[in-house]
Amino acid sequence: MFGATFGIVAQGLELFRKSADIRNRNILNANNPDYAQEEPVIKSFAPVGITLEDISRYQNFYYMSLRNTKQSTVSALDTAIKNGSAVESLFQEFTQGLGGSEYINSFFQAYQDLMKDPTNEGARSELLNAGKSLIAYLKDRRVDFDRLMAGTDYDMRTYVDQINTLSRKIAQINQEILTGYAQTYARGKDYKNLLDERDKYLKELSQYINIRVQEDQIGRVRVETSKGFVLVEDRYSWELGYDAGSKRIYWKSKDGTQVDITSLIEGGSVKGLLDFQSDLQGYINDLEGLAKKLISDVKLPLNAQTTQSWYWYKHVSDPNAPLGISGSITFYGFAGGPITVNYSSTDSLNNLISNINSAFPGGEFTASLVNNPDGTYTMLISSANSNYTVQDSNNLVFRSEALFTGTNISDMSLNPMADTYVQNLDYERADEFTNLSRSWWETAKGLYNNMVNAVAGRQKDLKKKYEIESALLESLNARLQEMQGVSIDNEYIELMKVQRSYEALAQVVSRMDEMLQATLNMI
């Protein structure tokens, strides 16, 4: 009799001790957002005793998945905003109200000042200095952009490494969950601490990439990207890779093949960084577009002793497309001249070039197509003698040379002949080039301001979305905490009940011991 009773009492003491451990664990993790409250499930097997059948875990997996999905969205926005702020810091327009627009204005103001007074030595020097300053500014910003882009490559590799590490950890947890379940099946399945660790890894993984999670009956998970590419299944994990050259993310299958999933990533820091890389490349293209436009457009009117080149000042995007205007170009100064070449609105630039070359089989004048750095086309007419002249009825052909040389920012520079050019301007064309420079000025300012506005507009849009999505995330976190979080007051009450039950049962042991001793003494 005493043996059976002692066995039941021992079971009770062990059960109350285990219950107290669970309550203490709840209290210790009350402020842990990744912890789900646990509850001992006690079952009576009268008259043979009681047992700890299970440890219930108050987790809402659906809301946890919603929270992780929203967290991926917020993380993507946060990453894009932080990187975008680095771009903003490169432009003084956002801080001091000055910047590239000042360099552009200074340059074109100097250009117009020189056209107003072509013999002014100070104006000549100011134009060259302003041109050098503008080039230096463009080069500095391009270097800054390249540095930021290189930084994104480092960050992306870090993010991908973290995703691969977390995937391996989750796969390992899956294995430990199976082992823990088997080892504790008869003792209340007390392996739930592994699930808390698993949830922590899932939450952290969702910060880097959008995930979709399925849980089996014992707590193991299958993790995929939101588009179905498996990251974890059972005890196995898959890896992602990043190619810095193409800025692409790849999913690596077990057979060694790689699948480009760049466009299928919908959230997390990886998505935010991919979006920023796209934005940054757009800003780089805008800056390059400005430089290429300056190289293509800005020219100086020169006298006959300095150049024998005339440029057609109606740039076209397609040299085979109709010009849309009619007119004539007359060539003077050579034996047998003048000769006039007519063109109609249906003629293309290549047609005009061909007609000019056909009109001068002796090579007095030659025309050629020029592919401008900005992607447009123009015509260059060259003469065999400096005394030859050209006149276009639409006033579109001028004896001139480019002030800037190069094909992009990296090789952009002042024309090596710039010092000579500013000393040998065609004064008669100064007013016409003043008018042309107004158009160049407006175009350059527009390109630059569009880029700056794009930076500011993008940041504003991202911050607005971040505020909305962060509020939703906060609401989900609060709801999740309400569902599975720990109530300290309730836990203290339950702990006191367990302690009192333990103490009462311990008194039973003491009294049974006294009864046993009394019985033995009577023998």
Protein backbone atom coordinates (compact mmCIF):
# COMPACT_ATOMS: atom_id res chain seq x y z
CA MET A 1 0.00 0.00 0.00
CA PHE A 2 2.71 2.46 1.04
CA GLY A 3 4.74 1.64 -2.08
CA ALA A 4 1.90 2.46 -4.48
CA THR A 5 1.05 5.58 -2.57
CA PHE A 6 4.63 6.75 -2.53
CA GLY A 7 4.76 6.20 -6.30
CA ILE A 8 1.70 8.34 -6.90
CA VAL A 9 3.01 11.08 -4.63
CA ALA A 10 6.40 11.01 -6.36
CA GLN A 11 4.65 11.40 -9.71
CA GLY A 12 2.76 14.39 -8.36
CA LEU A 13 5.91 16.04 -6.99
CA GLU A 14 7.71 15.57 -10.31
CA LEU A 15 4.68 16.93 -12.18
CA PHE A 16 4.44 20.03 -9.97
CA ARG A 17 8.18 20.61 -10.28
CA LYS A 18 7.91 20.41 -14.06
CA SER A 19 4.89 22.73 -14.04
CA ALA A 20 6.83 25.23 -11.94
CA ASP A 21 9.70 25.08 -14.44
CA ILE A 22 7.29 25.83 -17.27
CA ARG A 23 5.76 28.78 -15.39
CA ASN A 24 9.21 30.14 -14.57
CA ARG A 25 10.19 29.81 -18.22
CA ASN A 26 7.10 31.77 -19.24
CA ILE A 27 7.92 34.53 -16.77
CA LEU A 28 11.56 34.75 -17.87
CA ASN A 29 10.48 35.13 -21.51
CA ALA A 30 7.65 37.59 -20.90
CA ASN A 31 9.47 40.29 -22.88
CA ASN A 32 10.69 37.97 -25.63
CA PRO A 33 8.63 38.71 -28.78
CA ASP A 34 9.60 35.36 -30.29
CA TYR A 35 8.37 33.32 -27.33
CA ALA A 36 4.98 31.58 -27.25
CA GLN A 37 3.41 30.95 -23.87
CA GLU A 38 3.37 27.32 -22.70
CA GLU A 39 0.80 25.53 -20.60
CA PRO A 40 1.21 22.11 -18.91
CA VAL A 41 -1.56 19.67 -19.83
CA ILE A 42 -2.17 17.35 -16.86
CA LYS A 43 -4.23 14.17 -17.14
CA SER A 44 -5.46 11.97 -14.30
CA PHE A 45 -5.30 8.18 -14.47
CA ALA A 46 -7.30 7.37 -11.33
CA PRO A 47 -6.62 5.48 -9.23
CA VAL A 48 -3.04 4.98 -10.43
CA GLY A 49 -1.99 8.66 -10.55
CA ILE A 50 -1.54 11.68 -12.80
CA THR A 51 0.79 12.47 -15.67
CA LEU A 52 2.03 15.41 -17.74
CA GLU A 53 0.48 14.45 -21.05
CA ASP A 54 1.62 17.44 -23.14
CA ILE A 55 2.92 20.97 -23.01
CA SER A 56 0.54 23.17 -24.98
CA ARG A 57 2.12 26.08 -26.85
CA TYR A 58 -0.09 29.11 -27.42
CA GLN A 59 1.12 29.93 -30.89
CA ASN A 60 -0.95 31.36 -33.75
CA PHE A 61 1.02 30.20 -36.80
CA TYR A 62 -1.28 32.06 -39.20
CA TYR A 63 -0.71 35.42 -37.54
CA MET A 64 2.98 34.71 -37.23
CA SER A 65 3.14 34.14 -41.00
CA LEU A 66 1.22 37.37 -41.59
CA ARG A 67 3.62 39.21 -39.33
CA ASN A 68 6.65 37.78 -41.11
CA THR A 69 5.23 38.69 -44.52
CA LYS A 70 4.58 42.25 -43.40
CA GLN A 71 8.02 42.39 -41.84
CA SER A 72 9.52 41.46 -45.21
CA THR A 73 7.71 44.42 -46.77
CA VAL A 74 8.86 46.82 -44.07
CA SER A 75 12.43 45.53 -44.24
CA ALA A 76 12.51 46.05 -48.01
CA LEU A 77 11.30 49.63 -47.65
CA ASP A 78 13.70 50.36 -44.80
CA THR A 79 16.67 49.08 -46.82
CA ALA A 80 15.69 51.12 -49.87
CA ILE A 81 15.21 54.27 -47.77
CA LYS A 82 18.54 53.98 -45.97
CA ASN A 83 20.42 53.51 -49.23
CA GLY A 84 18.43 56.28 -50.89
CA SER A 85 19.45 58.62 -48.07
CA ALA A 86 23.07 58.01 -49.04
CA VAL A 87 22.23 59.27 -52.55
CA GLU A 88 20.49 62.33 -51.15
CA SER A 89 23.59 63.20 -49.14
CA LEU A 90 25.58 63.49 -52.38
CA PHE A 91 23.47 66.39 -53.60
CA GLN A 92 23.76 69.74 -51.86
CA GLU A 93 20.31 70.61 -53.21
CA PHE A 94 18.87 68.62 -50.28
CA THR A 95 21.01 70.38 -47.67
CA GLN A 96 22.33 73.77 -48.76
CA GLY A 97 20.13 74.40 -51.78
CA LEU A 98 23.18 74.38 -54.06
CA GLY A 99 24.81 71.74 -56.20
CA GLY A 100 25.01 70.59 -59.79
CA SER A 101 22.46 73.13 -60.98
CA GLU A 102 24.86 75.87 -59.87
CA TYR A 103 27.69 74.39 -61.93
CA ILE A 104 25.39 74.14 -64.95
CA ASN A 105 24.16 77.70 -64.54
CA SER A 106 27.68 79.04 -64.03
CA PHE A 107 28.91 77.31 -67.16
CA PHE A 108 26.15 78.50 -69.47
CA GLN A 109 26.21 81.99 -68.00
CA ALA A 110 29.93 82.12 -68.81
CA TYR A 111 29.17 80.82 -72.31
CA GLN A 112 26.62 83.57 -72.95
CA ASP A 113 28.89 86.22 -71.46
CA LEU A 114 31.58 85.21 -73.94
CA MET A 115 29.14 85.31 -76.84
CA LYS A 116 28.13 88.83 -75.80
CA ASP A 117 31.76 89.95 -75.71
CA PRO A 118 33.88 87.46 -77.72
CA THR A 119 37.09 89.48 -77.34
CA ASN A 120 36.95 89.63 -73.53
CA GLU A 121 39.92 87.67 -72.13
CA GLY A 122 38.25 87.36 -68.72
CA ALA A 123 35.13 85.86 -70.30
CA ARG A 124 37.27 83.39 -72.25
CA SER A 125 39.04 82.21 -69.09
CA GLU A 126 35.78 82.06 -67.14
CA LEU A 127 34.18 79.78 -69.75
CA LEU A 128 37.11 77.36 -69.69
CA ASN A 129 37.23 77.32 -65.89
CA ALA A 130 33.47 76.86 -65.62
CA GLY A 131 33.68 73.99 -68.11
CA LYS A 132 36.41 72.30 -66.09
CA SER A 133 34.42 72.73 -62.87
CA LEU A 134 31.31 71.24 -64.43
CA ILE A 135 33.27 68.25 -65.69
CA ALA A 136 34.87 67.75 -62.25
CA TYR A 137 31.45 67.84 -60.59
CA LEU A 138 30.04 65.23 -62.97
CA LYS A 139 33.06 62.98 -62.47
CA ASP A 140 32.85 63.31 -58.67
CA ARG A 141 29.18 62.34 -58.65
CA ARG A 142 29.83 59.39 -60.94
CA VAL A 143 32.60 58.17 -58.62
CA ASP A 144 30.21 58.54 -55.67
CA PHE A 145 27.52 56.56 -57.51
CA ASP A 146 30.01 53.83 -58.39
CA ARG A 147 31.12 53.64 -54.76
CA LEU A 148 27.51 53.26 -53.61
CA MET A 149 26.88 50.56 -56.21
CA ALA A 150 29.98 48.65 -55.07
CA GLY A 151 28.69 48.93 -51.50
CA THR A 152 25.40 47.33 -52.51
CA ASP A 153 27.33 44.35 -53.88
CA TYR A 154 28.98 43.83 -50.51
CA ASP A 155 25.66 44.20 -48.68
CA MET A 156 23.89 41.83 -51.06
CA ARG A 157 26.51 39.14 -50.59
CA THR A 158 26.10 39.58 -46.83
CA TYR A 159 22.32 39.24 -47.07
CA VAL A 160 22.57 36.12 -49.24
CA ASP A 161 25.08 34.57 -46.83
CA GLN A 162 22.70 35.26 -43.94
CA ILE A 163 19.81 33.65 -45.83
CA ASN A 164 21.90 30.55 -46.51
CA THR A 165 23.07 30.39 -42.87
CA LEU A 166 19.54 30.74 -41.50
CA SER A 167 18.24 28.11 -43.92
CA ARG A 168 20.86 25.67 -42.65
CA LYS A 169 19.99 26.49 -39.04
CA ILE A 170 16.28 25.93 -39.64
CA ALA A 171 17.03 22.59 -41.33
CA GLN A 172 19.12 21.62 -38.31
CA ILE A 173 16.29 22.66 -35.99
CA ASN A 174 13.93 20.44 -37.98
CA GLN A 175 16.21 17.50 -37.25
CA GLU A 176 16.47 18.41 -33.56
CA ILE A 177 12.68 18.75 -33.33
CA LEU A 178 12.27 15.20 -34.62
CA THR A 179 14.82 13.93 -32.14
CA GLY A 180 13.33 15.95 -29.28
CA TYR A 181 9.84 14.73 -30.08
CA ALA A 182 10.97 11.10 -30.00
CA GLN A 183 12.92 11.50 -26.77
CA THR A 184 10.22 13.37 -24.84
CA TYR A 185 7.10 11.75 -26.26
CA ALA A 186 6.37 10.03 -22.96
CA ARG A 187 7.31 13.04 -20.86
CA GLY A 188 4.96 15.73 -22.16
CA LYS A 189 6.82 16.37 -25.42
CA ASP A 190 8.91 19.01 -23.71
CA TYR A 191 10.91 20.19 -26.73
CA LYS A 192 8.97 23.41 -27.34
CA ASN A 193 12.05 25.55 -26.70
CA LEU A 194 13.24 24.35 -30.11
CA LEU A 195 10.09 25.83 -31.66
CA ASP A 196 10.86 29.21 -30.09
CA GLU A 197 14.32 29.06 -31.62
CA ARG A 198 12.79 28.02 -34.94
CA ASP A 199 10.38 30.99 -34.84
CA LYS A 200 13.27 33.32 -34.13
CA TYR A 201 15.12 32.08 -37.20
CA LEU A 202 11.99 32.35 -39.36
CA LYS A 203 11.42 35.91 -38.24
CA GLU A 204 15.03 36.79 -38.98
CA LEU A 205 14.89 35.07 -42.36
CA SER A 206 11.79 37.08 -43.31
CA GLN A 207 13.79 40.25 -42.76
CA TYR A 208 16.06 39.25 -45.62
CA ILE A 209 13.63 37.63 -48.07
CA ASN A 210 9.91 36.95 -48.41
CA ILE A 211 9.07 33.43 -47.27
CA ARG A 212 6.14 31.03 -47.14
CA VAL A 213 6.13 28.48 -44.30
CA GLN A 214 4.27 25.22 -43.70
CA GLU A 215 4.40 23.42 -40.34
CA ASP A 216 3.84 19.71 -39.74
CA GLN A 217 2.24 18.15 -36.65
CA ILE A 218 5.42 18.08 -34.56
CA GLY A 219 6.69 21.53 -35.54
CA ARG A 220 9.06 20.93 -38.43
CA VAL A 221 8.74 23.48 -41.22
CA ARG A 222 9.03 23.66 -44.98
CA VAL A 223 10.26 27.10 -46.05
CA GLU A 224 9.89 28.52 -49.55
CA THR A 225 10.14 31.90 -51.16
CA SER A 226 6.71 33.35 -51.85
CA LYS A 227 7.03 32.08 -55.43
CA GLY A 228 7.71 28.49 -54.44
CA PHE A 229 11.50 28.08 -54.47
CA VAL A 230 12.37 25.78 -51.57
CA LEU A 231 14.84 26.98 -48.96
CA VAL A 232 14.24 24.32 -46.29
CA GLU A 233 12.54 20.93 -46.35
CA ASP A 234 12.96 18.37 -43.59
CA ARG A 235 16.66 18.35 -42.69
CA TYR A 236 17.81 19.71 -46.05
CA SER A 237 18.45 23.30 -47.10
CA TRP A 238 18.99 25.04 -50.44
CA GLU A 239 21.25 28.03 -51.15
CA LEU A 240 20.96 31.31 -52.99
CA GLY A 241 23.74 32.96 -54.97
CA TYR A 242 24.46 36.50 -56.13
CA ASP A 243 26.22 37.66 -59.29
CA ALA A 244 27.56 41.18 -58.78
CA GLY A 245 28.16 41.72 -62.49
CA SER A 246 24.57 41.17 -63.57
CA LYS A 247 23.01 42.13 -60.20
CA ARG A 248 21.02 38.89 -60.23
CA ILE A 249 19.93 36.50 -57.47
CA TYR A 250 20.03 32.77 -58.21
CA TRP A 251 18.44 29.75 -56.53
CA LYS A 252 20.73 26.73 -56.60
CA SER A 253 19.11 23.34 -57.09
CA LYS A 254 20.58 20.10 -55.82
CA ASP A 255 21.57 19.03 -59.34
CA GLY A 256 23.81 22.07 -59.72
CA THR A 257 21.58 24.17 -61.97
CA GLN A 258 20.84 27.80 -61.13
CA VAL A 259 17.55 29.60 -61.57
CA ASP A 260 17.35 33.39 -61.82
CA ILE A 261 14.76 34.43 -59.22
CA THR A 262 15.61 38.15 -59.13
CA SER A 263 12.23 39.25 -60.44
CA LEU A 264 10.42 36.79 -58.15
CA ILE A 265 11.71 38.24 -54.88
CA GLU A 266 8.94 40.27 -53.28
CA GLY A 267 10.22 41.37 -49.88
CA GLY A 268 13.02 41.60 -47.38
CA SER A 269 16.33 43.45 -47.43
CA VAL A 270 17.28 41.64 -50.63
CA LYS A 271 14.24 43.11 -52.40
CA GLY A 272 14.95 46.57 -50.97
CA LEU A 273 18.55 46.42 -52.16
CA LEU A 274 17.54 45.16 -55.61
CA ASP A 275 15.11 48.07 -55.91
CA PHE A 276 17.80 50.51 -54.81
CA GLN A 277 20.28 49.10 -57.31
CA SER A 278 17.69 49.67 -60.02
CA ASP A 279 17.06 53.22 -58.78
CA LEU A 280 20.78 53.94 -58.54
CA GLN A 281 21.39 52.66 -62.05
CA GLY A 282 18.65 55.01 -63.20
CA TYR A 283 20.38 57.95 -61.50
CA ILE A 284 23.69 56.92 -63.10
CA ASN A 285 22.00 56.80 -66.51
CA ASP A 286 20.51 60.25 -65.91
CA LEU A 287 23.90 61.70 -64.95
CA GLU A 288 25.52 60.06 -67.96
CA GLY A 289 22.71 61.38 -70.13
CA LEU A 290 23.49 64.91 -68.98
CA ALA A 291 27.19 64.53 -69.75
CA LYS A 292 26.50 62.98 -73.15
CA LYS A 293 24.08 65.79 -73.98
CA LEU A 294 26.70 68.41 -73.15
CA ILE A 295 29.29 66.62 -75.29
CA SER A 296 26.81 66.29 -78.15
CA ASP A 297 25.36 69.81 -78.09
CA VAL A 298 27.80 72.43 -76.89
CA LYS A 299 29.91 73.86 -79.70
CA LEU A 300 31.73 77.10 -80.43
CA PRO A 301 31.34 79.18 -83.62
CA LEU A 302 34.81 79.44 -85.23
CA ASN A 303 36.38 81.45 -88.01
CA ALA A 304 37.65 79.98 -91.28
CA GLN A 305 41.29 79.98 -90.15
CA THR A 306 40.49 77.66 -87.21
CA THR A 307 38.25 74.94 -88.67
CA GLN A 308 36.92 73.63 -91.93
CA SER A 309 34.07 71.75 -90.31
CA TRP A 310 30.38 72.57 -90.39
CA TYR A 311 27.81 70.79 -88.21
CA TRP A 312 24.11 70.30 -88.89
CA TYR A 313 22.30 71.59 -85.78
CA LYS A 314 19.14 69.54 -86.12
CA HIS A 315 19.98 66.31 -84.31
CA VAL A 316 17.83 63.30 -85.19
CA SER A 317 17.21 60.01 -83.39
CA ASP A 318 17.03 58.00 -86.63
CA PRO A 319 19.23 59.00 -89.60
CA ASN A 320 16.92 57.11 -91.96
CA ALA A 321 13.72 58.80 -90.80
CA PRO A 322 12.21 61.78 -92.70
CA LEU A 323 13.65 65.13 -91.62
CA GLY A 324 10.23 66.76 -91.56
CA ILE A 325 11.53 70.03 -93.02
CA SER A 326 12.40 71.29 -96.46
CA GLY A 327 15.25 73.57 -97.45
CA SER A 328 18.53 73.91 -99.24
CA ILE A 329 22.25 74.01 -98.51
CA THR A 330 24.42 76.21 -100.75
CA PHE A 331 28.16 75.75 -101.10
CA TYR A 332 30.42 78.72 -102.04
CA GLY A 333 34.03 79.64 -102.80
CA PHE A 334 35.20 76.95 -105.20
CA ALA A 335 35.61 76.89 -108.97
CA GLY A 336 32.33 76.16 -110.68
CA GLY A 337 30.29 77.20 -107.67
CA PRO A 338 28.05 77.93 -106.04
CA ILE A 339 26.16 74.62 -105.89
CA THR A 340 22.87 74.16 -104.05
CA VAL A 341 21.65 70.84 -102.68
CA ASN A 342 17.91 70.78 -101.94
CA TYR A 343 16.18 68.57 -99.37
CA SER A 344 12.51 67.88 -98.73
CA SER A 345 10.57 66.89 -95.64
CA THR A 346 10.58 63.26 -96.78
CA ASP A 347 14.36 63.10 -97.11
CA SER A 348 16.34 61.51 -94.30
CA LEU A 349 19.65 62.72 -92.92
CA ASN A 350 21.40 59.87 -94.72
CA ASN A 351 19.68 60.92 -97.97
CA LEU A 352 20.98 64.46 -97.51
CA ILE A 353 24.51 63.22 -96.81
CA SER A 354 24.42 61.03 -99.93
CA ASN A 355 23.12 63.91 -102.07
CA ILE A 356 25.90 66.24 -100.87
CA ASN A 357 28.63 63.70 -101.60
CA SER A 358 27.11 63.04 -105.04
CA ALA A 359 27.19 66.78 -105.79
CA PHE A 360 30.95 66.95 -105.17
CA PRO A 361 32.70 64.07 -106.90
CA GLY A 362 35.89 66.14 -106.79
CA GLY A 363 35.89 66.18 -103.01
CA GLU A 364 35.49 69.95 -102.52
CA PHE A 365 33.02 69.08 -99.78
CA THR A 366 32.35 65.78 -98.04
CA ALA A 367 29.50 64.95 -95.71
CA SER A 368 29.48 62.22 -93.07
CA LEU A 369 27.15 60.92 -90.40
CA VAL A 370 28.09 61.65 -86.79
CA ASN A 371 26.83 59.38 -84.01
CA ASN A 372 26.54 61.64 -80.98
CA PRO A 373 27.21 60.27 -77.46
CA ASP A 374 23.60 61.01 -76.46
CA GLY A 375 22.32 58.56 -79.10
CA THR A 376 21.30 61.18 -81.66
CA TYR A 377 22.78 61.74 -85.10
CA THR A 378 24.00 64.81 -86.92
CA MET A 379 25.90 65.66 -90.09
CA LEU A 380 29.48 66.86 -90.42
CA ILE A 381 30.46 68.73 -93.58
CA SER A 382 34.17 69.14 -94.23
CA SER A 383 35.77 71.31 -96.92
CA ALA A 384 39.02 70.91 -98.79
CA ASN A 385 39.83 74.64 -98.51
CA SER A 386 39.38 77.13 -95.68
CA ASN A 387 38.00 79.67 -98.15
CA TYR A 388 35.00 77.50 -98.92
CA THR A 389 31.75 78.34 -97.12
CA VAL A 390 28.37 76.75 -96.51
CA GLN A 391 24.96 78.34 -96.00
CA ASP A 392 21.72 76.56 -95.04
CA SER A 393 18.35 78.16 -95.81
CA ASN A 394 17.03 77.07 -92.40
CA ASN A 395 20.13 78.39 -90.62
CA LEU A 396 20.99 74.89 -89.34
CA VAL A 397 24.60 74.57 -90.56
CA PHE A 398 27.44 76.38 -88.75
CA ARG A 399 31.22 76.32 -88.94
CA SER A 400 32.03 75.08 -85.42
CA GLU A 401 33.74 72.57 -83.13
CA ALA A 402 32.68 70.84 -79.92
CA LEU A 403 33.81 72.35 -76.62
CA PHE A 404 33.73 68.97 -74.86
CA THR A 405 35.15 65.66 -76.06
CA GLY A 406 34.52 62.08 -74.96
CA THR A 407 31.74 59.53 -75.04
CA ASN A 408 30.70 59.52 -71.38
CA ILE A 409 31.65 60.94 -67.99
CA SER A 410 34.74 58.79 -67.57
CA ASP A 411 36.51 60.23 -70.63
CA MET A 412 34.75 63.60 -70.78
CA SER A 413 37.13 66.55 -70.96
CA LEU A 414 37.53 69.98 -72.48
CA ASN A 415 38.54 69.86 -76.11
CA PRO A 416 42.37 69.96 -76.25
CA MET A 417 41.95 72.86 -78.70
CA ALA A 418 39.59 74.79 -76.39
CA ASP A 419 42.18 77.51 -75.63
CA THR A 420 42.66 78.09 -79.35
CA TYR A 421 38.94 77.98 -80.07
CA VAL A 422 37.98 80.71 -77.60
CA GLN A 423 40.66 82.92 -79.18
CA ASN A 424 39.28 82.43 -82.70
CA LEU A 425 35.52 82.76 -82.46
CA ASP A 426 33.35 83.75 -85.39
CA TYR A 427 32.00 87.00 -84.01
CA GLU A 428 29.28 87.21 -86.65
CA ARG A 429 27.70 84.02 -85.32
CA ALA A 430 27.83 85.00 -81.63
CA ASP A 431 24.17 86.05 -81.44
CA GLU A 432 23.01 82.84 -83.08
CA PHE A 433 25.05 80.72 -80.66
CA THR A 434 23.69 82.74 -77.76
CA ASN A 435 20.24 81.60 -78.83
CA LEU A 436 21.41 78.03 -79.28
CA SER A 437 23.00 78.03 -75.82
CA ARG A 438 19.66 78.96 -74.26
CA SER A 439 18.21 75.72 -75.57
CA TRP A 440 21.26 73.74 -74.40
CA TRP A 441 21.01 75.39 -71.00
CA GLU A 442 17.34 74.56 -70.55
CA THR A 443 17.91 70.99 -71.68
CA ALA A 444 20.85 70.48 -69.31
CA LYS A 445 19.00 72.02 -66.35
CA GLY A 446 15.96 69.90 -67.13
CA LEU A 447 17.96 66.67 -67.22
CA TYR A 448 19.73 67.46 -63.96
CA ASN A 449 16.62 68.65 -62.14
CA ASN A 450 14.70 65.58 -63.30
CA MET A 451 17.38 63.40 -61.73
CA VAL A 452 17.35 65.31 -58.44
CA ASN A 453 13.56 65.31 -58.38
CA ALA A 454 13.56 61.58 -59.03
CA VAL A 455 15.78 61.05 -55.99
CA ALA A 456 13.58 63.22 -53.78
CA GLY A 457 10.33 61.82 -55.15
CA ARG A 458 11.44 58.25 -54.71
CA GLN A 459 12.47 58.87 -51.10
CA LYS A 460 9.19 60.60 -50.34
CA ASP A 461 7.19 57.73 -51.82
CA LEU A 462 9.21 55.11 -49.93
CA LYS A 463 8.87 56.93 -46.61
CA LYS A 464 5.12 57.27 -47.03
CA LYS A 465 4.79 53.55 -47.75
CA TYR A 466 7.10 52.76 -44.83
CA GLU A 467 4.91 54.70 -42.40
CA ILE A 468 1.80 52.81 -43.53
CA GLU A 469 3.40 49.37 -43.57
CA SER A 470 5.18 49.93 -40.24
CA ALA A 471 1.88 50.81 -38.60
CA LEU A 472 0.36 47.59 -39.95
CA LEU A 473 3.36 45.60 -38.72
CA GLU A 474 3.07 47.15 -35.28
CA SER A 475 -0.60 46.20 -35.20
CA LEU A 476 0.19 42.60 -36.18
CA ASN A 477 2.93 42.38 -33.57
CA ALA A 478 0.54 43.64 -30.91
CA ARG A 479 -2.12 41.16 -31.97
CA LEU A 480 0.39 38.31 -32.01
CA GLN A 481 1.68 39.26 -28.59
CA GLU A 482 -1.87 39.32 -27.31
CA MET A 483 -2.47 35.79 -28.65
CA GLN A 484 0.73 34.07 -27.60
CA GLY A 485 2.45 36.44 -25.21
CA VAL A 486 2.89 35.86 -21.50
CA SER A 487 0.70 37.48 -18.84
CA ILE A 488 3.05 37.89 -15.88
CA ASP A 489 0.21 38.40 -13.41
CA ASN A 490 -1.49 35.18 -14.52
CA GLU A 491 1.78 33.27 -14.50
CA TYR A 492 2.62 34.38 -10.95
CA ILE A 493 -0.81 33.26 -9.77
CA GLU A 494 -0.43 29.88 -11.46
CA LEU A 495 3.10 29.54 -10.12
CA MET A 496 1.89 30.19 -6.59
CA LYS A 497 -0.79 27.53 -7.01
CA VAL A 498 1.81 25.04 -8.20
CA GLN A 499 4.15 25.87 -5.35
CA ARG A 500 1.41 25.47 -2.79
CA SER A 501 0.34 22.18 -4.33
CA TYR A 502 3.95 21.03 -4.28
CA GLU A 503 4.34 22.07 -0.64
CA ALA A 504 1.08 20.31 0.31
CA LEU A 505 2.14 17.14 -1.45
CA ALA A 506 5.52 17.34 0.23
CA GLN A 507 3.68 17.45 3.57
CA VAL A 508 1.87 14.25 2.53
CA VAL A 509 5.25 12.60 2.02
CA SER A 510 6.33 13.76 5.46
CA ARG A 511 3.19 12.45 7.11
CA MET A 512 3.44 9.14 5.27
CA ASP A 513 6.99 8.82 6.45
CA GLU A 514 5.85 9.42 10.02
CA MET A 515 3.09 6.82 9.61
CA LEU A 516 5.56 4.33 8.20
CA GLN A 517 7.95 4.87 11.09
CA ALA A 518 5.12 4.47 13.60
CA THR A 519 4.01 1.26 11.93
CA LEU A 520 7.52 -0.13 11.94
CA ASN A 521 7.89 0.77 15.64
CA MET A 522 4.75 -1.18 16.51
CA ILE A 523 6.17 -4.37 15.06
